[in-house]
Amino acid sequence: RGSFTPTTVELGPGVDLLGDRLVVVPARGADRLAAEVARVTGDLGSEPPRSRFRGHLTLARLQRRAQLPRILGHHVEASWVPSELALVASTLRPDHVRYETIAGWPLAAGDQTGR
């Protein structure tokens, strides 16, 4: 059981590429929530490989050798306080990506507790 600090997630400042093919909007603040999840789950299973977390909202996955979209660099500004933490599995297929929510935990303001 973990307790999570209320976190505001802010999108922006603009549409960008993550890697070669992922069109995203950076999400500042998601990293704080991810760090808390890592902290409260640190004693479960084996330690995952170290990689830098980059909070983002995925807009599109580009096909190989696709032309870069004109939306890159467009200004985006939005913010919200997440109300749920979800464990999501992603399955990459040659022609699409499938996302499946495995479990979810409500995050209530003040007493945000994972169950």
C-alpha atoms as a PDB file:
ATOM      1  CA  ARG A   1       0.000   0.000   0.000  1.00  0.00           C
ATOM      2  CA  GLY A   2       1.499   3.323  -1.029  1.00  0.00           C
ATOM      3  CA  SER A   3       0.627   6.939  -0.422  1.00  0.00           C
ATOM      4  CA  PHE A   4       0.984   9.430  -3.269  1.00  0.00           C
ATOM      5  CA  THR A   5       1.424  13.180  -3.074  1.00  0.00           C
ATOM      6  CA  PRO A   6      -1.087  15.125  -5.203  1.00  0.00           C
ATOM      7  CA  THR A   7       0.750  16.003  -8.420  1.00  0.00           C
ATOM      8  CA  THR A   8      -0.110  18.433 -11.175  1.00  0.00           C
ATOM      9  CA  VAL A   9       0.862  17.223 -14.642  1.00  0.00           C
ATOM     10  CA  GLU A  10       1.607  19.969 -17.185  1.00  0.00           C
ATOM     11  CA  LEU A  11       1.713  19.350 -20.931  1.00  0.00           C
ATOM     12  CA  GLY A  12       4.021  21.367 -23.133  1.00  0.00           C
ATOM     13  CA  PRO A  13       5.642  23.451 -24.255  1.00  0.00           C
ATOM     14  CA  GLY A  14       5.186  21.842 -27.679  1.00  0.00           C
ATOM     15  CA  VAL A  15       4.868  18.734 -29.836  1.00  0.00           C
ATOM     16  CA  ASP A  16       8.169  16.866 -30.082  1.00  0.00           C
ATOM     17  CA  LEU A  17       9.755  13.568 -31.129  1.00  0.00           C
ATOM     18  CA  LEU A  18      10.739  10.945 -28.571  1.00  0.00           C
ATOM     19  CA  GLY A  19      13.226   8.678 -30.254  1.00  0.00           C
ATOM     20  CA  ASP A  20      12.880   8.336 -34.016  1.00  0.00           C
ATOM     21  CA  ARG A  21       9.180   7.596 -34.380  1.00  0.00           C
ATOM     22  CA  LEU A  22       7.134   8.722 -31.374  1.00  0.00           C
ATOM     23  CA  VAL A  23       5.270  12.044 -31.683  1.00  0.00           C
ATOM     24  CA  VAL A  24       4.619  13.298 -28.150  1.00  0.00           C
ATOM     25  CA  VAL A  25       3.865  16.232 -25.906  1.00  0.00           C
ATOM     26  CA  PRO A  26       6.132  16.319 -22.821  1.00  0.00           C
ATOM     27  CA  ALA A  27       4.289  15.890 -19.495  1.00  0.00           C
ATOM     28  CA  ARG A  28       6.103  17.586 -16.619  1.00  0.00           C
ATOM     29  CA  GLY A  29       5.083  16.331 -13.182  1.00  0.00           C
ATOM     30  CA  ALA A  30       4.470  12.740 -14.320  1.00  0.00           C
ATOM     31  CA  ASP A  31       8.083  12.045 -13.348  1.00  0.00           C
ATOM     32  CA  ARG A  32       7.292  12.842  -9.691  1.00  0.00           C
ATOM     33  CA  LEU A  33       4.447  10.315  -9.661  1.00  0.00           C
ATOM     34  CA  ALA A  34       6.621   7.714 -11.439  1.00  0.00           C
ATOM     35  CA  ALA A  35       9.359   8.197  -8.820  1.00  0.00           C
ATOM     36  CA  GLU A  36       6.850   7.625  -6.016  1.00  0.00           C
ATOM     37  CA  VAL A  37       5.585   4.463  -7.719  1.00  0.00           C
ATOM     38  CA  ALA A  38       9.172   3.216  -8.009  1.00  0.00           C
ATOM     39  CA  ARG A  39       9.722   4.001  -4.322  1.00  0.00           C
ATOM     40  CA  VAL A  40       6.658   2.102  -3.040  1.00  0.00           C
ATOM     41  CA  THR A  41       7.191  -0.876  -5.357  1.00  0.00           C
ATOM     42  CA  GLY A  42      10.965  -1.116  -4.907  1.00  0.00           C
ATOM     43  CA  ASP A  43      10.754  -4.283  -2.825  1.00  0.00           C
ATOM     44  CA  LEU A  44       8.565  -6.144  -5.341  1.00  0.00           C
ATOM     45  CA  GLY A  45      10.313  -8.542  -7.709  1.00  0.00           C
ATOM     46  CA  SER A  46      13.680  -7.742  -9.202  1.00  0.00           C
ATOM     47  CA  GLU A  47      14.880  -4.229  -9.926  1.00  0.00           C
ATOM     48  CA  PRO A  48      14.001  -3.084 -13.460  1.00  0.00           C
ATOM     49  CA  PRO A  49      16.755  -1.910 -15.801  1.00  0.00           C
ATOM     50  CA  ARG A  50      17.715   1.705 -15.224  1.00  0.00           C
ATOM     51  CA  SER A  51      16.269   4.022 -17.812  1.00  0.00           C
ATOM     52  CA  ARG A  52      15.383   7.677 -17.610  1.00  0.00           C
ATOM     53  CA  PHE A  53      11.635   8.206 -17.313  1.00  0.00           C
ATOM     54  CA  ARG A  54      10.245  10.772 -19.741  1.00  0.00           C
ATOM     55  CA  GLY A  55       6.654  11.667 -18.970  1.00  0.00           C
ATOM     56  CA  HIS A  56       4.716  12.287 -22.184  1.00  0.00           C
ATOM     57  CA  LEU A  57       1.400  12.043 -23.968  1.00  0.00           C
ATOM     58  CA  THR A  58       1.748   9.993 -27.150  1.00  0.00           C
ATOM     59  CA  LEU A  59       0.047  11.528 -30.179  1.00  0.00           C
ATOM     60  CA  ALA A  60       1.284   9.140 -32.880  1.00  0.00           C
ATOM     61  CA  ARG A  61       3.799   6.470 -33.799  1.00  0.00           C
ATOM     62  CA  LEU A  62       5.402   7.123 -37.162  1.00  0.00           C
ATOM     63  CA  GLN A  63       6.008   4.357 -39.657  1.00  0.00           C
ATOM     64  CA  ARG A  64       9.597   3.701 -40.654  1.00  0.00           C
ATOM     65  CA  ARG A  65      10.900   6.316 -43.080  1.00  0.00           C
ATOM     66  CA  ALA A  66       7.754   8.409 -42.597  1.00  0.00           C
ATOM     67  CA  GLN A  67       7.893  12.103 -43.354  1.00  0.00           C
ATOM     68  CA  LEU A  68       8.015  14.214 -40.206  1.00  0.00           C
ATOM     69  CA  PRO A  69       4.579  15.649 -39.376  1.00  0.00           C
ATOM     70  CA  ARG A  70       4.026  19.393 -39.632  1.00  0.00           C
ATOM     71  CA  ILE A  71       2.641  19.442 -36.092  1.00  0.00           C
ATOM     72  CA  LEU A  72       6.162  19.170 -34.601  1.00  0.00           C
ATOM     73  CA  GLY A  73       6.932  22.282 -32.586  1.00  0.00           C
ATOM     74  CA  HIS A  74       3.309  23.419 -32.271  1.00  0.00           C
ATOM     75  CA  HIS A  75       2.596  25.008 -28.894  1.00  0.00           C
ATOM     76  CA  VAL A  76       0.573  22.923 -26.414  1.00  0.00           C
ATOM     77  CA  GLU A  77      -0.390  23.997 -22.917  1.00  0.00           C
ATOM     78  CA  ALA A  78      -2.614  22.082 -20.499  1.00  0.00           C
ATOM     79  CA  SER A  79      -2.515  20.811 -16.930  1.00  0.00           C
ATOM     80  CA  TRP A  80      -4.469  18.525 -14.622  1.00  0.00           C
ATOM     81  CA  VAL A  81      -4.240  16.590 -11.362  1.00  0.00           C
ATOM     82  CA  PRO A  82      -4.456  12.850 -12.117  1.00  0.00           C
ATOM     83  CA  SER A  83      -7.371  11.069 -10.462  1.00  0.00           C
ATOM     84  CA  GLU A  84      -6.206   7.518 -11.170  1.00  0.00           C
ATOM     85  CA  LEU A  85      -2.978   5.552 -11.419  1.00  0.00           C
ATOM     86  CA  ALA A  86      -3.169   2.769 -14.023  1.00  0.00           C
ATOM     87  CA  LEU A  87      -0.949  -0.204 -14.790  1.00  0.00           C
ATOM     88  CA  VAL A  88      -1.028  -0.510 -18.585  1.00  0.00           C
ATOM     89  CA  ALA A  89       0.502  -3.219 -20.755  1.00  0.00           C
ATOM     90  CA  SER A  90       1.518  -2.285 -24.294  1.00  0.00           C
ATOM     91  CA  THR A  91       1.984  -4.874 -27.004  1.00  0.00           C
ATOM     92  CA  LEU A  92       3.860  -3.682 -30.089  1.00  0.00           C
ATOM     93  CA  ARG A  93       2.734  -5.340 -33.318  1.00  0.00           C
ATOM     94  CA  PRO A  94       4.081  -4.647 -36.814  1.00  0.00           C
ATOM     95  CA  ASP A  95       0.917  -2.758 -37.803  1.00  0.00           C
ATOM     96  CA  HIS A  96      -0.354  -1.351 -34.482  1.00  0.00           C
ATOM     97  CA  VAL A  97       0.102  -1.050 -30.724  1.00  0.00           C
ATOM     98  CA  ARG A  98      -2.370  -2.583 -28.301  1.00  0.00           C
ATOM     99  CA  TYR A  99      -2.810  -1.028 -24.855  1.00  0.00           C
ATOM    100  CA  GLU A 100      -4.568  -2.909 -22.060  1.00  0.00           C
ATOM    101  CA  THR A 101      -5.292  -1.580 -18.572  1.00  0.00           C
ATOM    102  CA  ILE A 102      -4.303  -4.309 -16.124  1.00  0.00           C
ATOM    103  CA  ALA A 103      -5.310  -2.527 -12.902  1.00  0.00           C
ATOM    104  CA  GLY A 104      -6.203   0.940 -11.669  1.00  0.00           C
ATOM    105  CA  TRP A 105      -5.999   2.744  -8.348  1.00  0.00           C
ATOM    106  CA  PRO A 106      -7.907   5.924  -7.539  1.00  0.00           C
ATOM    107  CA  LEU A 107      -5.870   8.921  -6.441  1.00  0.00           C
ATOM    108  CA  ALA A 108      -7.984  11.048  -4.107  1.00  0.00           C
ATOM    109  CA  ALA A 109      -6.833  14.596  -3.255  1.00  0.00           C
ATOM    110  CA  GLY A 110      -5.305  14.708   0.206  1.00  0.00           C
ATOM    111  CA  ASP A 111      -5.286  10.923   0.824  1.00  0.00           C
ATOM    112  CA  GLN A 112      -4.002   9.440  -2.413  1.00  0.00           C
ATOM    113  CA  THR A 113      -3.596   5.766  -1.669  1.00  0.00           C
ATOM    114  CA  GLY A 114      -2.888   2.852  -3.975  1.00  0.00           C
ATOM    115  CA  ARG A 115      -4.938  -0.289  -3.187  1.00  0.00           C
END
